[in-house]
Amino acid sequence: MDEAHREAIALFRYGVISELVTRSVAPGHKERLLEAISQKKWTIPGTTRTRVARSTAGDWVSLYQAMGLDGLKPRPRSDAGTSRAIPEPVQDLLLAVRAERPKASVLSVIRAVRLSGQVDASVRLAPSTVHRFFAAHGIATEPPGHSEPDAQAFTHLHTGDLWMADVMHGPRRLLKGRPQGAKSYLIAFLDDASRLVPYAAFYPAENAACFQDALKQALLRRGVPRKLYCDNGAAFRTQHLQLICATLNIALIHSRPYRPRGRGKIERFFRRVRSAFLPHLNDSMLTELSALNRVFWAWLESEYHQTPHGGLDGQSPIERFLDDQELIRPAPQDLDLLLRMKRIRRVGRDRTVHVDGRLYEAPDGFAGEKVEVLYDPYDPQQPVHFRRRGETDEHRLRRLDLQTNATLRRTPRQATTQTPAPPQTGISYLDLIAKKFYGEDDS
């Protein structure tokens, strides 16, 4: 199992137990949460099983509390490298029984072939192995699921319990030479309990880099939430976002595909933006994103946050938010380091490194090596660092300047040690051959 697979399993396990580790839970409530986990169907990486035992979930809680995210990564198997393949005759038998009983559980299929007497007792048929075997043949191992339950209205009790994140298509920017203009996207976060917007801004694209910058600004301004609820857009499904949330102890939740239930509050905020902000824009505010965001932030802080909200019993979002200010978790001081994107790159023979379409230059001595690059994907002006794989020491990458490099004088490296000159013997091989050939022997 490679590191990426182990990391994916750890992130899944954190998602299962996030309710139990993001806040203090009373013993009775903990047992109810564990029971709910054991009853729920999950999409488990690397297997078609859909259930997590309550004892297993309890073990994951202990491991996370003791060792963090690394504690949830699977340990290397003691039998790694040994074959656990199912013998071909047993494969045929399993497929035949499954074809006869398509709705039967995997355990009952295994039991059936065992009882048939056609499988040697020494053959191991672990349920997980048979699950993977059926999945590889495109055979479903669970009956069709039940219909989705009805949606319910909800509001979390405290500020920071849940943030919602979403993207709205904004106004087109007016750019010279582009008659159609350019798109803008409003990336926004909304606190469920207070309806306050921790951060929102118009960006030039709807991608992971822009979303990560918005998340960074929200965390710096309004602290760290306990849950983050997003839709299934590509910007919200990156492994890097999962790592950020797991590191900051934020439970990352996604709505089901094509069923965007539960995000009504942030959709209502977007309707407010469309009705109370966008109609008042003029051309001078649409020439630059900075000009657009300048007036938007002023409207957000002085109008939206200060206006009494119908869902808050007459309180304004900022008043409700400040009611729970002692519960707000501050952002860590090393947030910039935690949010850096990581990419594996190979340093070229000319010591250049490609990062998101930009060229950087590594120090001398790293040519040809694979390194881990750490950088801010949204702000190219931020320093870019790298380190050898498996090491912690970081080195700075500088932007490649071809004109400056063209004027530099290249000097050969000086040898660290000098080899002593060989002794002079006075023997000339070619002179000796010539003297012998022409009979010029001195004797």
Protein backbone atom coordinates (compact mmCIF):
# COMPACT_ATOMS: atom_id res chain seq x y z
CA MET A 1 0.00 0.00 0.00
CA ASP A 2 1.53 3.32 -1.08
CA GLU A 3 1.51 6.52 0.97
CA ALA A 4 -1.30 8.12 -1.07
CA HIS A 5 -3.59 5.15 -0.36
CA ARG A 6 -2.74 5.17 3.36
CA GLU A 7 -3.43 8.93 3.47
CA ALA A 8 -6.80 8.48 1.72
CA ILE A 9 -7.82 5.84 4.29
CA ALA A 10 -6.74 8.12 7.17
CA LEU A 11 -8.83 10.99 5.79
CA PHE A 12 -11.85 8.69 5.47
CA ARG A 13 -11.44 7.50 9.06
CA TYR A 14 -11.18 11.09 10.27
CA GLY A 15 -14.41 11.93 8.45
CA VAL A 16 -16.15 9.06 10.26
CA ILE A 17 -15.06 10.14 13.76
CA SER A 18 -14.94 13.92 13.28
CA GLU A 19 -18.07 14.41 15.40
CA LEU A 20 -16.27 12.72 18.30
CA VAL A 21 -12.95 14.58 18.16
CA THR A 22 -13.85 18.16 17.19
CA ARG A 23 -15.46 18.88 20.57
CA SER A 24 -15.94 17.45 24.04
CA VAL A 25 -18.61 14.75 24.05
CA ALA A 26 -20.44 13.39 27.11
CA PRO A 27 -20.10 9.60 27.58
CA GLY A 28 -23.78 8.95 26.84
CA HIS A 29 -23.73 11.09 23.72
CA LYS A 30 -20.50 9.40 22.62
CA GLU A 31 -22.19 5.99 22.75
CA ARG A 32 -25.09 7.31 20.66
CA LEU A 33 -22.68 8.70 18.07
CA LEU A 34 -20.78 5.40 17.90
CA GLU A 35 -24.05 3.54 17.45
CA ALA A 36 -25.05 5.94 14.65
CA ILE A 37 -21.69 5.36 12.95
CA SER A 38 -22.16 1.58 13.08
CA GLN A 39 -25.64 1.86 11.55
CA LYS A 40 -24.67 4.17 8.69
CA LYS A 41 -23.49 3.02 5.27
CA TRP A 42 -20.09 4.39 4.21
CA THR A 43 -18.07 4.47 1.02
CA ILE A 44 -14.83 2.94 2.31
CA PRO A 45 -11.63 3.40 0.23
CA GLY A 46 -10.22 0.19 -1.21
CA THR A 47 -13.20 -2.02 -0.42
CA THR A 48 -16.86 -2.43 -1.22
CA ARG A 49 -17.77 -2.91 2.45
CA THR A 50 -20.10 -0.21 3.75
CA ARG A 51 -20.16 -0.73 7.53
CA VAL A 52 -17.84 0.42 10.34
CA ALA A 53 -18.10 -1.38 13.67
CA ARG A 54 -18.58 0.80 16.75
CA SER A 55 -15.50 -0.75 18.41
CA THR A 56 -13.46 0.10 15.31
CA ALA A 57 -14.68 3.71 15.39
CA GLY A 58 -13.81 3.89 19.09
CA ASP A 59 -10.28 2.68 18.33
CA TRP A 60 -9.92 5.35 15.64
CA VAL A 61 -10.91 8.05 18.15
CA SER A 62 -8.19 6.88 20.55
CA LEU A 63 -5.59 6.74 17.78
CA TYR A 64 -6.42 10.26 16.53
CA GLN A 65 -6.31 11.73 20.04
CA ALA A 66 -2.95 10.08 20.68
CA MET A 67 -1.15 10.58 17.35
CA GLY A 68 -3.27 12.89 15.18
CA LEU A 69 -3.88 12.08 11.52
CA ASP A 70 -0.85 9.77 11.32
CA GLY A 71 -2.48 7.51 13.89
CA LEU A 72 -5.32 6.81 11.46
CA LYS A 73 -3.04 5.60 8.67
CA PRO A 74 -2.97 1.79 8.22
CA ARG A 75 0.16 0.12 9.50
CA PRO A 76 2.20 -1.89 6.97
CA ARG A 77 0.98 -5.49 6.82
CA SER A 78 3.20 -8.11 8.42
CA ASP A 79 2.53 -10.40 5.43
CA ALA A 80 3.28 -7.73 2.82
CA GLY A 81 4.60 -9.24 -0.39
CA THR A 82 2.97 -12.65 0.12
CA SER A 83 0.24 -13.84 -2.24
CA ARG A 84 -3.33 -13.99 -0.97
CA ALA A 85 -4.92 -14.79 -4.34
CA ILE A 86 -7.97 -17.03 -4.48
CA PRO A 87 -7.28 -20.27 -6.39
CA GLU A 88 -8.90 -20.37 -9.82
CA PRO A 89 -11.29 -23.28 -9.07
CA VAL A 90 -12.53 -21.40 -6.01
CA GLN A 91 -12.93 -18.22 -8.07
CA ASP A 92 -15.17 -20.06 -10.52
CA LEU A 93 -17.20 -21.51 -7.68
CA LEU A 94 -17.66 -18.12 -6.01
CA LEU A 95 -18.80 -16.54 -9.28
CA ALA A 96 -21.22 -19.38 -9.95
CA VAL A 97 -22.81 -19.14 -6.49
CA ARG A 98 -22.98 -15.37 -6.77
CA ALA A 99 -24.69 -15.61 -10.17
CA GLU A 100 -27.30 -17.94 -8.68
CA ARG A 101 -27.84 -15.73 -5.61
CA PRO A 102 -27.20 -12.10 -6.72
CA LYS A 103 -28.74 -10.62 -3.54
CA ALA A 104 -26.91 -12.87 -1.10
CA SER A 105 -24.38 -11.30 1.27
CA VAL A 106 -20.69 -12.00 0.80
CA LEU A 107 -20.50 -13.88 4.10
CA SER A 108 -23.32 -16.20 3.06
CA VAL A 109 -21.62 -16.88 -0.28
CA ILE A 110 -18.38 -17.77 1.49
CA ARG A 111 -20.31 -19.99 3.87
CA ALA A 112 -22.06 -21.72 0.95
CA VAL A 113 -18.85 -22.61 -0.87
CA ARG A 114 -17.29 -23.80 2.39
CA LEU A 115 -20.22 -26.09 3.11
CA SER A 116 -20.13 -27.44 -0.47
CA GLY A 117 -16.97 -29.37 0.39
CA GLN A 118 -15.32 -28.19 -2.85
CA VAL A 119 -12.90 -25.80 -1.12
CA ASP A 120 -9.86 -27.05 0.75
CA ALA A 121 -9.84 -26.05 4.41
CA SER A 122 -6.41 -24.43 3.99
CA VAL A 123 -7.73 -21.84 1.50
CA ARG A 124 -8.30 -18.49 3.20
CA LEU A 125 -11.49 -16.68 2.13
CA ALA A 126 -11.52 -13.42 4.07
CA PRO A 127 -14.67 -11.33 3.46
CA SER A 128 -12.55 -8.33 2.40
CA THR A 129 -10.72 -10.50 -0.15
CA VAL A 130 -13.96 -11.80 -1.63
CA HIS A 131 -15.40 -8.24 -1.63
CA ARG A 132 -12.46 -7.06 -3.74
CA PHE A 133 -12.71 -10.13 -5.98
CA PHE A 134 -16.38 -9.46 -6.75
CA ALA A 135 -15.76 -5.74 -7.21
CA ALA A 136 -12.99 -6.49 -9.74
CA HIS A 137 -15.55 -8.47 -11.75
CA GLY A 138 -18.06 -5.64 -11.59
CA ILE A 139 -20.40 -7.53 -9.25
CA ALA A 140 -22.31 -5.51 -6.65
CA THR A 141 -21.92 -6.84 -3.13
CA GLU A 142 -24.77 -4.92 -1.52
CA PRO A 143 -28.44 -4.69 -2.47
CA PRO A 144 -29.72 -1.35 -3.83
CA GLY A 145 -29.96 1.33 -1.17
CA HIS A 146 -33.12 2.81 0.23
CA SER A 147 -34.51 6.14 -0.87
CA GLU A 148 -33.09 9.29 0.69
CA PRO A 149 -34.86 10.48 3.84
CA ASP A 150 -36.73 13.75 3.87
CA ALA A 151 -34.68 16.88 4.49
CA GLN A 152 -35.03 18.76 7.78
CA ALA A 153 -34.48 22.39 8.66
CA PHE A 154 -31.64 22.94 11.12
CA THR A 155 -29.60 25.60 12.90
CA HIS A 156 -26.48 24.88 14.92
CA LEU A 157 -26.35 26.09 18.48
CA HIS A 158 -23.06 27.97 18.59
CA THR A 159 -20.93 30.19 16.39
CA GLY A 160 -18.26 28.15 14.62
CA ASP A 161 -20.15 24.85 14.87
CA LEU A 162 -20.67 24.82 11.10
CA TRP A 163 -19.52 26.95 8.19
CA MET A 164 -21.05 26.60 4.75
CA ALA A 165 -18.99 27.26 1.63
CA ASP A 166 -20.25 27.87 -1.89
CA VAL A 167 -19.56 29.78 -5.12
CA MET A 168 -21.82 32.22 -6.97
CA HIS A 169 -21.28 33.44 -10.53
CA GLY A 170 -20.62 37.17 -10.25
CA PRO A 171 -20.78 40.09 -12.69
CA ARG A 172 -18.59 40.24 -15.77
CA ARG A 173 -15.58 42.47 -15.48
CA LEU A 174 -15.00 45.18 -18.08
CA LEU A 175 -11.59 44.67 -19.69
CA LYS A 176 -9.96 46.59 -22.53
CA GLY A 177 -9.69 44.58 -25.72
CA ARG A 178 -12.22 41.99 -24.55
CA PRO A 179 -15.74 42.94 -25.66
CA GLN A 180 -17.26 40.02 -23.75
CA GLY A 181 -15.42 40.94 -20.56
CA ALA A 182 -14.25 38.32 -18.06
CA LYS A 183 -16.11 36.24 -15.53
CA SER A 184 -15.95 36.73 -11.79
CA TYR A 185 -16.88 34.29 -9.03
CA LEU A 186 -17.98 35.08 -5.48
CA ILE A 187 -16.50 32.52 -3.07
CA ALA A 188 -18.24 32.81 0.29
CA PHE A 189 -18.36 31.20 3.72
CA LEU A 190 -21.36 31.55 6.03
CA ASP A 191 -21.56 30.69 9.74
CA ASP A 192 -24.72 28.64 10.27
CA ALA A 193 -25.57 29.83 13.80
CA SER A 194 -25.06 33.58 13.30
CA ARG A 195 -25.50 33.97 9.49
CA LEU A 196 -22.28 36.00 9.60
CA VAL A 197 -20.02 35.74 6.56
CA PRO A 198 -16.49 34.95 7.82
CA TYR A 199 -15.11 35.90 4.42
CA ALA A 200 -16.31 36.38 0.88
CA ALA A 201 -14.64 37.87 -2.18
CA PHE A 202 -14.85 37.94 -5.96
CA TYR A 203 -12.15 35.87 -7.70
CA PRO A 204 -11.17 35.42 -11.35
CA ALA A 205 -11.73 31.64 -11.30
CA GLU A 206 -13.60 28.87 -9.53
CA ASN A 207 -10.64 26.66 -8.70
CA ALA A 208 -8.81 25.15 -5.75
CA ALA A 209 -6.23 27.95 -5.55
CA CYS A 210 -8.89 30.68 -5.24
CA PHE A 211 -10.92 28.64 -2.76
CA GLN A 212 -7.86 27.99 -0.61
CA ASP A 213 -7.05 31.71 -0.50
CA ALA A 214 -10.64 32.49 0.56
CA LEU A 215 -10.46 29.80 3.26
CA LYS A 216 -7.19 31.24 4.54
CA GLN A 217 -8.68 34.74 4.82
CA ALA A 218 -11.78 33.37 6.58
CA LEU A 219 -9.69 31.47 9.14
CA LEU A 220 -7.51 34.50 9.86
CA ARG A 221 -10.53 36.80 10.36
CA ARG A 222 -13.05 34.59 12.17
CA GLY A 223 -11.20 31.63 13.67
CA VAL A 224 -11.41 27.91 12.95
CA PRO A 225 -14.83 26.21 12.55
CA ARG A 226 -15.64 22.74 13.81
CA LYS A 227 -17.32 21.66 10.57
CA LEU A 228 -17.07 22.83 6.97
CA TYR A 229 -20.01 21.98 4.68
CA CYS A 230 -19.40 22.16 0.91
CA ASP A 231 -20.95 20.91 -2.28
CA ASN A 232 -19.28 18.44 -4.64
CA GLY A 233 -17.47 20.93 -6.88
CA ALA A 234 -13.92 20.10 -7.89
CA ALA A 235 -12.52 22.96 -5.76
CA PHE A 236 -14.06 21.37 -2.65
CA ARG A 237 -12.95 17.82 -3.37
CA THR A 238 -9.16 18.18 -3.38
CA GLN A 239 -7.04 15.96 -1.19
CA HIS A 240 -5.15 19.07 -0.08
CA LEU A 241 -8.36 20.53 1.39
CA GLN A 242 -8.97 17.25 3.22
CA LEU A 243 -5.45 17.41 4.68
CA ILE A 244 -5.94 21.04 5.78
CA CYS A 245 -9.23 20.23 7.52
CA ALA A 246 -7.86 17.11 9.21
CA THR A 247 -4.79 19.00 10.42
CA LEU A 248 -6.91 21.85 11.85
CA ASN A 249 -9.45 19.38 13.30
CA ILE A 250 -12.27 20.53 10.99
CA ALA A 251 -14.86 17.97 9.93
CA LEU A 252 -15.20 18.31 6.13
CA ILE A 253 -18.72 17.46 4.94
CA HIS A 254 -19.99 17.28 1.36
CA SER A 255 -23.60 17.28 0.22
CA ARG A 256 -24.69 14.30 -1.85
CA PRO A 257 -24.27 14.71 -5.62
CA TYR A 258 -27.32 16.29 -7.27
CA ARG A 259 -28.98 16.72 -3.87
CA PRO A 260 -27.76 20.12 -2.58
CA ARG A 261 -29.86 20.01 0.56
CA GLY A 262 -28.86 21.90 3.69
CA ARG A 263 -27.26 24.91 1.95
CA GLY A 264 -30.39 27.07 1.90
CA LYS A 265 -28.87 29.71 4.20
CA ILE A 266 -25.94 30.50 1.95
CA GLU A 267 -28.21 30.42 -1.11
CA ARG A 268 -30.38 33.05 0.59
CA PHE A 269 -27.24 35.13 1.20
CA PHE A 270 -26.44 34.91 -2.50
CA ARG A 271 -29.96 36.07 -3.33
CA ARG A 272 -29.36 39.03 -1.03
CA VAL A 273 -26.16 39.84 -2.92
CA ARG A 274 -27.98 39.64 -6.25
CA SER A 275 -30.82 41.88 -5.09
CA ALA A 276 -29.13 44.38 -2.76
CA PHE A 277 -25.56 44.66 -4.06
CA LEU A 278 -25.17 43.76 -7.74
CA PRO A 279 -27.85 46.16 -9.06
CA HIS A 280 -25.94 49.12 -7.61
CA LEU A 281 -22.64 48.45 -9.36
CA ASN A 282 -21.38 50.88 -11.99
CA ASP A 283 -18.75 50.50 -14.70
CA SER A 284 -15.92 51.99 -12.64
CA MET A 285 -16.38 49.21 -10.05
CA LEU A 286 -16.10 46.46 -12.67
CA THR A 287 -12.74 47.33 -14.22
CA GLU A 288 -10.67 45.59 -11.55
CA LEU A 289 -11.38 42.87 -9.00
CA SER A 290 -9.82 45.06 -6.33
CA ALA A 291 -12.37 47.80 -7.03
CA LEU A 292 -15.24 45.32 -7.00
CA ASN A 293 -14.12 43.73 -3.73
CA ARG A 294 -13.53 47.13 -2.12
CA VAL A 295 -17.20 48.12 -2.42
CA PHE A 296 -18.41 44.58 -1.70
CA TRP A 297 -16.54 44.37 1.61
CA ALA A 298 -17.86 47.79 2.63
CA TRP A 299 -21.43 46.64 1.86
CA LEU A 300 -20.91 43.32 3.66
CA GLU A 301 -19.57 44.83 6.90
CA SER A 302 -21.71 47.97 7.14
CA GLU A 303 -24.99 46.70 5.67
CA TYR A 304 -25.38 42.91 5.75
CA HIS A 305 -23.60 42.25 9.07
CA GLN A 306 -25.28 45.19 10.81
CA THR A 307 -28.88 44.59 9.69
CA PRO A 308 -31.20 42.61 12.02
CA HIS A 309 -31.81 39.15 10.57
CA GLY A 310 -35.25 37.55 10.49
CA GLY A 311 -33.85 34.16 11.53
CA LEU A 312 -32.00 35.56 14.56
CA ASP A 313 -34.89 36.98 16.61
CA GLY A 314 -34.03 40.51 15.59
CA GLN A 315 -30.28 40.28 16.19
CA SER A 316 -27.80 41.26 13.49
CA PRO A 317 -25.28 38.64 12.29
CA ILE A 318 -22.36 40.43 13.97
CA GLU A 319 -24.22 40.66 17.30
CA ARG A 320 -25.08 36.95 17.23
CA PHE A 321 -21.52 36.07 16.25
CA LEU A 322 -20.03 38.04 19.14
CA ASP A 323 -22.37 36.36 21.64
CA ASP A 324 -20.18 33.24 21.31
CA GLN A 325 -16.83 34.91 20.83
CA GLU A 326 -15.29 32.98 23.77
CA LEU A 327 -16.03 29.72 21.86
CA ILE A 328 -14.17 30.78 18.73
CA ARG A 329 -11.03 28.75 18.06
CA PRO A 330 -8.24 31.10 16.90
CA ALA A 331 -6.27 30.26 13.77
CA PRO A 332 -2.78 28.83 14.50
CA GLN A 333 0.17 31.17 14.10
CA ASP A 334 1.75 28.90 11.47
CA LEU A 335 -1.40 28.90 9.31
CA ASP A 336 0.55 30.02 6.22
CA LEU A 337 2.80 26.98 6.53
CA LEU A 338 -0.12 24.59 7.09
CA LEU A 339 -1.97 25.84 4.00
CA ARG A 340 0.92 25.49 1.58
CA MET A 341 0.29 23.25 -1.40
CA LYS A 342 2.68 20.32 -1.86
CA ARG A 343 3.84 19.04 -5.24
CA ILE A 344 6.47 16.46 -6.20
CA ARG A 345 8.77 17.84 -8.90
CA ARG A 346 12.07 16.80 -10.48
CA VAL A 347 14.83 19.39 -10.61
CA GLY A 348 16.14 19.69 -14.16
CA ARG A 349 19.76 19.31 -15.19
CA ASP A 350 19.83 23.11 -15.45
CA ARG A 351 18.44 23.26 -11.85
CA THR A 352 15.04 24.61 -13.02
CA VAL A 353 11.75 23.56 -11.40
CA HIS A 354 8.28 23.99 -12.99
CA VAL A 355 5.51 25.03 -10.57
CA ASP A 356 2.04 25.87 -11.97
CA GLY A 357 3.44 27.22 -15.23
CA ARG A 358 6.20 29.25 -13.56
CA LEU A 359 9.92 28.52 -13.66
CA TYR A 360 12.05 28.55 -10.53
CA GLU A 361 15.72 27.84 -9.94
CA ALA A 362 17.06 25.53 -7.22
CA PRO A 363 20.41 26.04 -5.46
CA ASP A 364 23.46 24.20 -6.67
CA GLY A 365 23.65 20.51 -5.85
CA PHE A 366 20.02 19.43 -6.48
CA ALA A 367 20.06 18.81 -10.25
CA GLY A 368 18.20 15.65 -11.25
CA GLU A 369 16.62 15.04 -7.83
CA LYS A 370 12.94 14.58 -7.01
CA VAL A 371 11.89 17.12 -4.40
CA GLU A 372 8.72 18.22 -2.58
CA VAL A 373 7.77 21.81 -3.46
CA LEU A 374 5.74 23.85 -0.94
CA TYR A 375 4.01 27.02 -2.16
CA ASP A 376 0.95 29.27 -2.04
CA PRO A 377 -1.06 28.35 -5.19
CA TYR A 378 -2.94 31.67 -5.28
CA ASP A 379 -0.18 34.20 -4.58
CA PRO A 380 2.95 33.72 -6.75
CA GLN A 381 4.68 36.51 -4.82
CA GLN A 382 4.89 34.35 -1.68
CA PRO A 383 8.19 32.51 -1.12
CA VAL A 384 8.44 29.02 -2.62
CA HIS A 385 10.41 26.36 -0.75
CA PHE A 386 11.37 22.76 -1.38
CA ARG A 387 12.88 19.85 0.48
CA ARG A 388 14.26 16.44 -0.31
CA ARG A 389 11.72 13.68 0.04
CA GLY A 390 11.77 12.28 3.56
CA GLU A 391 13.67 15.29 4.97
CA THR A 392 12.43 18.27 6.98
CA ASP A 393 15.05 20.90 6.06
CA GLU A 394 13.61 23.42 3.57
CA HIS A 395 15.44 25.37 0.86
CA ARG A 396 14.33 28.46 -1.05
CA LEU A 397 13.48 28.42 -4.74
CA ARG A 398 13.97 31.71 -6.59
CA ARG A 399 12.19 32.83 -9.74
CA LEU A 400 14.26 32.06 -12.81
CA ASP A 401 15.84 35.16 -14.35
CA LEU A 402 17.21 34.17 -17.76
CA GLN A 403 18.69 37.61 -18.51
CA THR A 404 20.64 37.70 -15.25
CA ASN A 405 21.86 34.14 -15.73
CA ALA A 406 23.08 35.04 -19.23
CA THR A 407 25.47 37.65 -17.79
CA LEU A 408 26.88 35.45 -15.05
CA ARG A 409 30.41 34.18 -15.55
CA ARG A 410 30.64 30.44 -15.08
CA THR A 411 33.69 29.24 -13.19
CA PRO A 412 34.62 25.59 -12.75
CA ARG A 413 34.24 24.16 -9.29
CA GLN A 414 37.42 24.00 -7.27
CA ALA A 415 38.42 20.55 -6.18
CA THR A 416 38.11 20.11 -2.45
CA THR A 417 41.37 18.11 -2.26
CA GLN A 418 44.45 18.37 -4.48
CA THR A 419 46.03 15.21 -5.85
CA PRO A 420 49.84 15.23 -5.31
CA ALA A 421 51.98 15.28 -8.46
CA PRO A 422 53.35 11.84 -9.43
CA PRO A 423 57.11 11.25 -8.97
CA GLN A 424 59.37 11.92 -11.98
CA THR A 425 61.06 8.66 -13.13
CA GLY A 426 62.84 9.99 -16.21
CA ILE A 427 61.46 7.10 -18.28
CA SER A 428 60.12 8.01 -21.76
CA TYR A 429 58.23 5.08 -23.25
CA LEU A 430 58.27 6.36 -26.83
CA ASP A 431 61.98 7.36 -26.70
CA LEU A 432 62.88 3.88 -25.51
CA ILE A 433 60.88 2.25 -28.34
CA ALA A 434 62.49 4.53 -30.96
CA LYS A 435 66.03 3.89 -29.70
CA LYS A 436 65.45 0.17 -29.74
CA PHE A 437 63.92 0.25 -33.24
CA TYR A 438 66.72 2.35 -34.77
CA GLY A 439 69.54 0.57 -32.95
CA GLU A 440 70.44 3.65 -30.94
CA ASP A 441 71.04 1.74 -27.75
CA ASP A 442 73.26 3.86 -25.47
CA SER A 443 75.20 0.75 -24.56
